[in-house]
């Protein structure tokens, strides 16, 4: 939300709408430049350092709430890390 105020505190509604519109157009153009990134929801890559703590990522959970996206992850127990040298 953009607020533009005069010196006396009154809002400049038209200017706010024009600026908000310009920002939205530029944001859409920026999003077009970003390439999509795919990642697996089942068995995502677990960082080696996390395996040192005894657990790894198991399944990604994505939920869309009103106005935002919630991203979570379940875990699995790891008995032995892939790279024990990292844990030292």
PDB file of N, CA and C in Angstrom:
ATOM      1  N   UNK A   1       0.849  -1.172   0.000  1.00  0.00           N
ATOM      2  CA  UNK A   1       0.000   0.000   0.000  1.00  0.00           C
ATOM      3  C   UNK A   1       0.900   1.242   0.000  1.00  0.00           C
ATOM      4  N   UNK A   2       0.574   2.177  -0.818  1.00  0.00           N
ATOM      5  CA  UNK A   2       1.348   3.411  -0.943  1.00  0.00           C
ATOM      6  C   UNK A   2       0.507   4.565  -0.426  1.00  0.00           C
ATOM      7  N   UNK A   3       1.109   5.395   0.419  1.00  0.00           N
ATOM      8  CA  UNK A   3       0.425   6.591   0.924  1.00  0.00           C
ATOM      9  C   UNK A   3       1.257   7.805   0.537  1.00  0.00           C
ATOM     10  N   UNK A   4       0.607   8.771  -0.098  1.00  0.00           N
ATOM     11  CA  UNK A   4       1.241  10.047  -0.417  1.00  0.00           C
ATOM     12  C   UNK A   4       0.413  11.119   0.276  1.00  0.00           C
ATOM     13  N   UNK A   5       1.081  11.904   1.096  1.00  0.00           N
ATOM     14  CA  UNK A   5       0.379  12.922   1.888  1.00  0.00           C
ATOM     15  C   UNK A   5       0.855  14.316   1.524  1.00  0.00           C
ATOM     16  N   UNK A   6      -0.069  15.266   1.593  1.00  0.00           N
ATOM     17  CA  UNK A   6       0.285  16.675   1.454  1.00  0.00           C
ATOM     18  C   UNK A   6       0.887  17.132   2.773  1.00  0.00           C
ATOM     19  N   UNK A   7       1.397  18.342   2.790  1.00  0.00           N
ATOM     20  CA  UNK A   7       2.006  18.872   4.015  1.00  0.00           C
ATOM     21  C   UNK A   7       1.014  18.939   5.167  1.00  0.00           C
ATOM     22  N   UNK A   8      -0.269  19.138   4.867  1.00  0.00           N
ATOM     23  CA  UNK A   8      -1.279  19.244   5.921  1.00  0.00           C
ATOM     24  C   UNK A   8      -1.811  17.875   6.359  1.00  0.00           C
ATOM     25  N   UNK A   9      -1.300  16.767   5.768  1.00  0.00           N
ATOM     26  CA  UNK A   9      -1.702  15.426   6.164  1.00  0.00           C
ATOM     27  C   UNK A   9      -2.801  14.811   5.315  1.00  0.00           C
ATOM     28  N   UNK A  10      -3.325  15.575   4.335  1.00  0.00           N
ATOM     29  CA  UNK A  10      -4.378  15.060   3.470  1.00  0.00           C
ATOM     30  C   UNK A  10      -3.768  14.102   2.431  1.00  0.00           C
ATOM     31  N   UNK A  11      -4.484  13.000   2.184  1.00  0.00           N
ATOM     32  CA  UNK A  11      -3.995  12.018   1.211  1.00  0.00           C
ATOM     33  C   UNK A  11      -4.194  12.519  -0.209  1.00  0.00           C
ATOM     34  N   UNK A  12      -3.236  12.179  -1.092  1.00  0.00           N
ATOM     35  CA  UNK A  12      -3.325  12.489  -2.514  1.00  0.00           C
ATOM     36  C   UNK A  12      -3.713  11.192  -3.223  1.00  0.00           C
ATOM     37  N   UNK A  13      -5.016  10.937  -3.323  1.00  0.00           N
ATOM     38  CA  UNK A  13      -5.560   9.664  -3.776  1.00  0.00           C
ATOM     39  C   UNK A  13      -5.153   9.336  -5.213  1.00  0.00           C
ATOM     40  N   UNK A  14      -5.283  10.280  -6.121  1.00  0.00           N
ATOM     41  CA  UNK A  14      -4.981  10.022  -7.532  1.00  0.00           C
ATOM     42  C   UNK A  14      -3.505   9.663  -7.700  1.00  0.00           C
ATOM     43  N   UNK A  15      -2.634  10.411  -7.056  1.00  0.00           N
ATOM     44  CA  UNK A  15      -1.204  10.142  -7.147  1.00  0.00           C
ATOM     45  C   UNK A  15      -0.864   8.766  -6.558  1.00  0.00           C
ATOM     46  N   UNK A  16      -1.534   8.396  -5.464  1.00  0.00           N
ATOM     47  CA  UNK A  16      -1.325   7.081  -4.859  1.00  0.00           C
ATOM     48  C   UNK A  16      -1.703   5.974  -5.831  1.00  0.00           C
ATOM     49  N   UNK A  17      -2.837   6.136  -6.523  1.00  0.00           N
ATOM     50  CA  UNK A  17      -3.297   5.124  -7.467  1.00  0.00           C
ATOM     51  C   UNK A  17      -2.335   4.993  -8.647  1.00  0.00           C
ATOM     52  N   UNK A  18      -1.844   6.128  -9.157  1.00  0.00           N
ATOM     53  CA  UNK A  18      -0.913   6.110 -10.287  1.00  0.00           C
ATOM     54  C   UNK A  18       0.383   5.423  -9.877  1.00  0.00           C
ATOM     55  N   UNK A  19       0.912   5.751  -8.716  1.00  0.00           N
ATOM     56  CA  UNK A  19       2.160   5.148  -8.240  1.00  0.00           C
ATOM     57  C   UNK A  19       1.985   3.654  -7.975  1.00  0.00           C
ATOM     58  N   UNK A  20       0.879   3.268  -7.363  1.00  0.00           N
ATOM     59  CA  UNK A  20       0.603   1.846  -7.112  1.00  0.00           C
ATOM     60  C   UNK A  20       0.510   1.081  -8.418  1.00  0.00           C
ATOM     61  N   UNK A  21      -0.153   1.648  -9.415  1.00  0.00           N
ATOM     62  CA  UNK A  21      -0.280   1.013 -10.721  1.00  0.00           C
ATOM     63  C   UNK A  21       1.089   0.838 -11.374  1.00  0.00           C
ATOM     64  N   UNK A  22       1.925   1.851 -11.314  1.00  0.00           N
ATOM     65  CA  UNK A  22       3.270   1.778 -11.902  1.00  0.00           C
ATOM     66  C   UNK A  22       4.111   0.703 -11.204  1.00  0.00           C
ATOM     67  N   UNK A  23       4.020   0.622  -9.885  1.00  0.00           N
ATOM     68  CA  UNK A  23       4.761  -0.398  -9.136  1.00  0.00           C
ATOM     69  C   UNK A  23       4.282  -1.790  -9.520  1.00  0.00           C
ATOM     70  N   UNK A  24       2.975  -1.970  -9.659  1.00  0.00           N
ATOM     71  CA  UNK A  24       2.434  -3.280 -10.038  1.00  0.00           C
ATOM     72  C   UNK A  24       2.913  -3.707 -11.428  1.00  0.00           C
ATOM     73  N   UNK A  25       2.939  -2.769 -12.377  1.00  0.00           N
ATOM     74  CA  UNK A  25       3.403  -3.087 -13.732  1.00  0.00           C
ATOM     75  C   UNK A  25       4.869  -3.501 -13.706  1.00  0.00           C
ATOM     76  N   UNK A  26       5.696  -2.762 -12.962  1.00  0.00           N
ATOM     77  CA  UNK A  26       7.121  -3.088 -12.878  1.00  0.00           C
ATOM     78  C   UNK A  26       7.338  -4.430 -12.176  1.00  0.00           C
ATOM     79  N   UNK A  27       6.545  -4.728 -11.158  1.00  0.00           N
ATOM     80  CA  UNK A  27       6.661  -6.010 -10.456  1.00  0.00           C
ATOM     81  C   UNK A  27       6.287  -7.167 -11.390  1.00  0.00           C
ATOM     82  N   UNK A  28       5.258  -6.992 -12.203  1.00  0.00           N
ATOM     83  CA  UNK A  28       4.880  -8.028 -13.167  1.00  0.00           C
ATOM     84  C   UNK A  28       5.991  -8.252 -14.188  1.00  0.00           C
ATOM     85  N   UNK A  29       6.606  -7.171 -14.671  1.00  0.00           N
ATOM     86  CA  UNK A  29       7.716  -7.305 -15.617  1.00  0.00           C
ATOM     87  C   UNK A  29       8.907  -8.008 -14.979  1.00  0.00           C
ATOM     88  N   UNK A  30       9.166  -7.733 -13.730  1.00  0.00           N
ATOM     89  CA  UNK A  30      10.261  -8.389 -13.012  1.00  0.00           C
ATOM     90  C   UNK A  30       9.996  -9.885 -12.857  1.00  0.00           C
ATOM     91  N   UNK A  31       8.757 -10.238 -12.530  1.00  0.00           N
ATOM     92  CA  UNK A  31       8.410 -11.651 -12.370  1.00  0.00           C
ATOM     93  C   UNK A  31       8.535 -12.424 -13.678  1.00  0.00           C
ATOM     94  N   UNK A  32       8.316 -11.762 -14.809  1.00  0.00           N
ATOM     95  CA  UNK A  32       8.458 -12.427 -16.107  1.00  0.00           C
ATOM     96  C   UNK A  32       9.915 -12.787 -16.385  1.00  0.00           C
ATOM     97  N   UNK A  33      10.860 -12.027 -15.804  1.00  0.00           N
ATOM     98  CA  UNK A  33      12.280 -12.279 -16.023  1.00  0.00           C
ATOM     99  C   UNK A  33      12.799 -13.463 -15.211  1.00  0.00           C
ATOM    100  N   UNK A  34      12.130 -13.788 -14.131  1.00  0.00           N
ATOM    101  CA  UNK A  34      12.573 -14.869 -13.254  1.00  0.00           C
ATOM    102  C   UNK A  34      12.126 -16.202 -13.834  1.00  0.00           C
ATOM    103  N   UNK A  35      13.093 -17.086 -14.030  1.00  0.00           N
ATOM    104  CA  UNK A  35      12.771 -18.402 -14.570  1.00  0.00           C
ATOM    105  C   UNK A  35      12.159 -19.280 -13.483  1.00  0.00           C
ATOM    106  N   UNK A  36      11.219 -20.155 -13.861  1.00  0.00           N
ATOM    107  CA  UNK A  36      10.620 -21.064 -12.874  1.00  0.00           C
ATOM    108  C   UNK A  36      11.670 -22.014 -12.303  1.00  0.00           C
ATOM    109  N   UNK A  37      11.477 -22.374 -11.063  1.00  0.00           N
ATOM    110  CA  UNK A  37      12.392 -23.289 -10.388  1.00  0.00           C
ATOM    111  C   UNK A  37      11.580 -24.473  -9.881  1.00  0.00           C
ATOM    112  N   UNK A  38      11.951 -25.667 -10.288  1.00  0.00           N
ATOM    113  CA  UNK A  38      11.246 -26.876  -9.859  1.00  0.00           C
ATOM    114  C   UNK A  38      12.007 -27.543  -8.726  1.00  0.00           C
ATOM    115  N   UNK A  39      11.268 -27.995  -7.734  1.00  0.00           N
ATOM    116  CA  UNK A  39      11.880 -28.797  -6.681  1.00  0.00           C
ATOM    117  C   UNK A  39      10.891 -29.881  -6.284  1.00  0.00           C
ATOM    118  N   UNK A  40      11.424 -31.050  -5.925  1.00  0.00           N
ATOM    119  CA  UNK A  40      10.545 -32.177  -5.612  1.00  0.00           C
ATOM    120  C   UNK A  40       9.838 -31.979  -4.275  1.00  0.00           C
ATOM    121  N   UNK A  41       8.584 -32.428  -4.211  1.00  0.00           N
ATOM    122  CA  UNK A  41       7.846 -32.353  -2.953  1.00  0.00           C
ATOM    123  C   UNK A  41       8.069 -33.604  -2.109  1.00  0.00           C
ATOM    124  N   UNK A  42       8.463 -34.689  -2.747  1.00  0.00           N
ATOM    125  CA  UNK A  42       8.774 -35.918  -2.008  1.00  0.00           C
ATOM    126  C   UNK A  42      10.278 -36.132  -2.049  1.00  0.00           C
ATOM    127  N   UNK A  43      10.851 -36.436  -0.914  1.00  0.00           N
ATOM    128  CA  UNK A  43      12.289 -36.660  -0.761  1.00  0.00           C
ATOM    129  C   UNK A  43      13.141 -35.533  -1.340  1.00  0.00           C
ATOM    130  N   UNK A  44      12.963 -34.303  -0.849  1.00  0.00           N
ATOM    131  CA  UNK A  44      13.823 -33.212  -1.325  1.00  0.00           C
ATOM    132  C   UNK A  44      15.254 -33.420  -0.828  1.00  0.00           C
ATOM    133  N   UNK A  45      16.193 -32.752  -1.459  1.00  0.00           N
ATOM    134  CA  UNK A  45      17.600 -32.881  -1.051  1.00  0.00           C
ATOM    135  C   UNK A  45      17.779 -32.333   0.359  1.00  0.00           C
ATOM    136  N   UNK A  46      18.461 -33.113   1.177  1.00  0.00           N
ATOM    137  CA  UNK A  46      18.741 -32.712   2.548  1.00  0.00           C
ATOM    138  C   UNK A  46      20.174 -32.212   2.635  1.00  0.00           C
ATOM    139  N   UNK A  47      20.408 -31.054   3.245  1.00  0.00           N
ATOM    140  CA  UNK A  47      21.782 -30.592   3.427  1.00  0.00           C
ATOM    141  C   UNK A  47      22.577 -31.587   4.278  1.00  0.00           C
ATOM    142  N   UNK A  48      23.844 -31.776   3.940  1.00  0.00           N
ATOM    143  CA  UNK A  48      24.690 -32.730   4.660  1.00  0.00           C
ATOM    144  C   UNK A  48      24.793 -32.381   6.138  1.00  0.00           C
ATOM    145  N   UNK A  49      24.836 -31.092   6.448  1.00  0.00           N
ATOM    146  CA  UNK A  49      24.953 -30.656   7.840  1.00  0.00           C
ATOM    147  C   UNK A  49      23.736 -31.063   8.665  1.00  0.00           C
ATOM    148  N   UNK A  50      22.573 -31.095   8.040  1.00  0.00           N
ATOM    149  CA  UNK A  50      21.352 -31.479   8.745  1.00  0.00           C
ATOM    150  C   UNK A  50      21.383 -32.959   9.107  1.00  0.00           C
ATOM    151  N   UNK A  51      21.967 -33.774   8.238  1.00  0.00           N
ATOM    152  CA  UNK A  51      22.073 -35.204   8.519  1.00  0.00           C
ATOM    153  C   UNK A  51      22.960 -35.454   9.740  1.00  0.00           C
ATOM    154  N   UNK A  52      23.893 -34.574  10.013  1.00  0.00           N
ATOM    155  CA  UNK A  52      24.748 -34.699  11.200  1.00  0.00           C
ATOM    156  C   UNK A  52      23.918 -34.589  12.481  1.00  0.00           C
ATOM    157  N   UNK A  53      22.801 -33.900  12.411  1.00  0.00           N
ATOM    158  CA  UNK A  53      21.925 -33.743  13.572  1.00  0.00           C
ATOM    159  C   UNK A  53      20.997 -34.937  13.764  1.00  0.00           C
ATOM    160  N   UNK A  54      20.987 -35.855  12.765  1.00  0.00           N
ATOM    161  CA  UNK A  54      20.218 -37.080  12.919  1.00  0.00           C
ATOM    162  C   UNK A  54      18.881 -37.110  12.204  1.00  0.00           C
ATOM    163  N   UNK A  55      18.608 -36.117  11.374  1.00  0.00           N
ATOM    164  CA  UNK A  55      17.361 -36.168  10.610  1.00  0.00           C
ATOM    165  C   UNK A  55      17.559 -35.571   9.227  1.00  0.00           C
ATOM    166  N   UNK A  56      16.648 -35.937   8.322  1.00  0.00           N
ATOM    167  CA  UNK A  56      16.673 -35.440   6.955  1.00  0.00           C
ATOM    168  C   UNK A  56      15.272 -35.069   6.508  1.00  0.00           C
ATOM    169  N   UNK A  57      15.190 -34.293   5.455  1.00  0.00           N
ATOM    170  CA  UNK A  57      13.892 -33.870   4.932  1.00  0.00           C
ATOM    171  C   UNK A  57      13.194 -35.044   4.267  1.00  0.00           C
ATOM    172  N   UNK A  58      11.892 -35.161   4.487  1.00  0.00           N
ATOM    173  CA  UNK A  58      11.155 -36.301   3.966  1.00  0.00           C
ATOM    174  C   UNK A  58      10.128 -35.905   2.913  1.00  0.00           C
ATOM    175  N   UNK A  59       9.278 -34.948   3.236  1.00  0.00           N
ATOM    176  CA  UNK A  59       8.200 -34.570   2.321  1.00  0.00           C
ATOM    177  C   UNK A  59       7.873 -33.097   2.514  1.00  0.00           C
ATOM    178  N   UNK A  60       7.748 -32.365   1.410  1.00  0.00           N
ATOM    179  CA  UNK A  60       7.438 -30.946   1.445  1.00  0.00           C
ATOM    180  C   UNK A  60       5.918 -30.773   1.483  1.00  0.00           C
ATOM    181  N   UNK A  61       5.448 -29.844   2.300  1.00  0.00           N
ATOM    182  CA  UNK A  61       4.019 -29.565   2.426  1.00  0.00           C
ATOM    183  C   UNK A  61       3.802 -28.102   2.045  1.00  0.00           C
ATOM    184  N   UNK A  62       2.960 -27.872   1.027  1.00  0.00           N
ATOM    185  CA  UNK A  62       2.658 -26.513   0.582  1.00  0.00           C
ATOM    186  C   UNK A  62       1.174 -26.258   0.787  1.00  0.00           C
ATOM    187  N   UNK A  63       0.858 -25.185   1.513  1.00  0.00           N
ATOM    188  CA  UNK A  63      -0.531 -24.818   1.747  1.00  0.00           C
ATOM    189  C   UNK A  63      -0.723 -23.352   1.385  1.00  0.00           C
ATOM    190  N   UNK A  64      -1.816 -23.061   0.715  1.00  0.00           N
ATOM    191  CA  UNK A  64      -2.144 -21.688   0.359  1.00  0.00           C
ATOM    192  C   UNK A  64      -3.227 -21.190   1.305  1.00  0.00           C
ATOM    193  N   UNK A  65      -2.890 -20.185   2.052  1.00  0.00           N
ATOM    194  CA  UNK A  65      -3.826 -19.561   2.984  1.00  0.00           C
ATOM    195  C   UNK A  65      -4.311 -18.248   2.368  1.00  0.00           C
ATOM    196  N   UNK A  66      -5.174 -17.578   3.060  1.00  0.00           N
ATOM    197  CA  UNK A  66      -5.714 -16.317   2.556  1.00  0.00           C
ATOM    198  C   UNK A  66      -4.596 -15.260   2.546  1.00  0.00           C
ATOM    199  N   UNK A  67      -4.081 -14.988   1.360  1.00  0.00           N
ATOM    200  CA  UNK A  67      -3.086 -13.932   1.215  1.00  0.00           C
ATOM    201  C   UNK A  67      -1.640 -14.364   1.337  1.00  0.00           C
ATOM    202  N   UNK A  68      -1.358 -15.626   1.648  1.00  0.00           N
ATOM    203  CA  UNK A  68       0.034 -16.048   1.731  1.00  0.00           C
ATOM    204  C   UNK A  68       0.157 -17.545   1.494  1.00  0.00           C
ATOM    205  N   UNK A  69       1.396 -18.002   1.307  1.00  0.00           N
ATOM    206  CA  UNK A  69       1.686 -19.408   1.098  1.00  0.00           C
ATOM    207  C   UNK A  69       2.504 -19.910   2.283  1.00  0.00           C
ATOM    208  N   UNK A  70       2.148 -21.087   2.776  1.00  0.00           N
ATOM    209  CA  UNK A  70       2.848 -21.686   3.905  1.00  0.00           C
ATOM    210  C   UNK A  70       3.602 -22.911   3.399  1.00  0.00           C
ATOM    211  N   UNK A  71       4.889 -22.972   3.692  1.00  0.00           N
ATOM    212  CA  UNK A  71       5.738 -24.067   3.237  1.00  0.00           C
ATOM    213  C   UNK A  71       6.308 -24.772   4.457  1.00  0.00           C
ATOM    214  N   UNK A  72       6.094 -26.083   4.533  1.00  0.00           N
ATOM    215  CA  UNK A  72       6.584 -26.862   5.657  1.00  0.00           C
ATOM    216  C   UNK A  72       7.245 -28.132   5.164  1.00  0.00           C
ATOM    217  N   UNK A  73       7.846 -28.854   6.082  1.00  0.00           N
ATOM    218  CA  UNK A  73       8.548 -30.068   5.693  1.00  0.00           C
ATOM    219  C   UNK A  73       8.462 -31.087   6.825  1.00  0.00           C
ATOM    220  N   UNK A  74       8.229 -32.344   6.446  1.00  0.00           N
ATOM    221  CA  UNK A  74       8.304 -33.413   7.431  1.00  0.00           C
ATOM    222  C   UNK A  74       9.735 -33.947   7.414  1.00  0.00           C
ATOM    223  N   UNK A  75      10.066 -34.789   8.382  1.00  0.00           N
ATOM    224  CA  UNK A  75      11.445 -35.269   8.449  1.00  0.00           C
ATOM    225  C   UNK A  75      11.478 -36.768   8.688  1.00  0.00           C
ATOM    226  N   UNK A  76      12.648 -37.341   8.435  1.00  0.00           N
ATOM    227  CA  UNK A  76      12.890 -38.761   8.683  1.00  0.00           C
ATOM    228  C   UNK A  76      14.177 -38.875   9.490  1.00  0.00           C
ATOM    229  N   UNK A  77      14.274 -39.929  10.273  1.00  0.00           N
ATOM    230  CA  UNK A  77      15.461 -40.175  11.080  1.00  0.00           C
ATOM    231  C   UNK A  77      16.585 -40.690  10.171  1.00  0.00           C
ATOM    232  N   UNK A  78      17.787 -40.145  10.358  1.00  0.00           N
ATOM    233  CA  UNK A  78      18.964 -40.581   9.611  1.00  0.00           C
ATOM    234  C   UNK A  78      19.930 -41.224  10.606  1.00  0.00           C
ATOM    235  N   UNK A  79      20.190 -42.508  10.437  1.00  0.00           N
ATOM    236  CA  UNK A  79      21.080 -43.227  11.366  1.00  0.00           C
ATOM    237  C   UNK A  79      22.540 -42.903  11.096  1.00  0.00           C
ATOM    238  N   UNK A  80      22.906 -42.783   9.817  1.00  0.00           N
ATOM    239  CA  UNK A  80      24.289 -42.487   9.467  1.00  0.00           C
ATOM    240  C   UNK A  80      24.316 -41.448   8.349  1.00  0.00           C
ATOM    241  N   UNK A  81      25.047 -40.334   8.509  1.00  0.00           N
ATOM    242  CA  UNK A  81      25.084 -39.292   7.482  1.00  0.00           C
ATOM    243  C   UNK A  81      25.815 -39.771   6.221  1.00  0.00           C
ATOM    244  N   UNK A  82      25.487 -39.142   5.098  1.00  0.00           N
ATOM    245  CA  UNK A  82      26.133 -39.459   3.821  1.00  0.00           C
ATOM    246  C   UNK A  82      27.621 -39.167   3.871  1.00  0.00           C
ATOM    247  N   UNK A  83      27.995 -38.049   4.467  1.00  0.00           N
ATOM    248  CA  UNK A  83      29.381 -37.626   4.498  1.00  0.00           C
ATOM    249  C   UNK A  83      29.813 -37.356   5.940  1.00  0.00           C
ATOM    250  N   UNK A  84      30.361 -38.372   6.618  1.00  0.00           N
ATOM    251  CA  UNK A  84      30.746 -38.195   8.020  1.00  0.00           C
ATOM    252  C   UNK A  84      31.807 -37.122   8.244  1.00  0.00           C
ATOM    253  N   UNK A  85      32.605 -36.788   7.221  1.00  0.00           N
ATOM    254  CA  UNK A  85      33.646 -35.766   7.373  1.00  0.00           C
ATOM    255  C   UNK A  85      33.046 -34.399   7.668  1.00  0.00           C
ATOM    256  N   UNK A  86      31.861 -34.134   7.130  1.00  0.00           N
ATOM    257  CA  UNK A  86      31.204 -32.849   7.370  1.00  0.00           C
ATOM    258  C   UNK A  86      30.833 -32.707   8.840  1.00  0.00           C
ATOM    259  N   UNK A  87      30.484 -33.815   9.472  1.00  0.00           N
ATOM    260  CA  UNK A  87      30.046 -33.779  10.870  1.00  0.00           C
ATOM    261  C   UNK A  87      31.205 -33.525  11.846  1.00  0.00           C
ATOM    262  N   UNK A  88      32.414 -33.775  11.384  1.00  0.00           N
ATOM    263  CA  UNK A  88      33.572 -33.542  12.261  1.00  0.00           C
ATOM    264  C   UNK A  88      33.858 -32.069  12.329  1.00  0.00           C
TER     265      UNK A  88
END
